[in-house]
Amino acid sequence: MEGCVPCACKCGRTLLSIISDILDFSKIEARRLSLEKTDFNLNTPLREAAEMLAVEAHRKGLELTCEVGPDVPVLLQEDPNRLRQVLVNLLANAIKFTSKASFCGFLKRSGSRFLNSM
């Protein structure tokens, strides 16, 4: 029973994220979306996104792993909530369209841009 509490919390956060996404679409359409500039560690939203989707990946028999390339800066000053939303969407789509035993989300740097290869 104790194992259900963390899962319920994660599901609640996922639902909150979905509601936030819907509200963000409204803000985008109204041209009123603002981005935060906060210092954060890249591993935090990446880990949180993977944790939110781990149950779904496990249900499909998938192993979910996420890696950050050695040349990607870990300390960032951006909007961690928007980054988490993007990561959740990318990983959710990867889970949805993957039938293999495992997949890895890998963040790497390409010039001055970051690429996400699934």
Foldseek 3Di string as FASTA:
>chain_A
DVVVVVLVVLVVVVVVLVVVVVVVVVCVVVVNDDWAFAKDFQVVLLVSLCVSCVVLLVVLQEDEAEEEDPPDDGIGTTHSSVVSSVNNVVVVVCSVPDNDNYDYWYWYDDVPDIDTDD
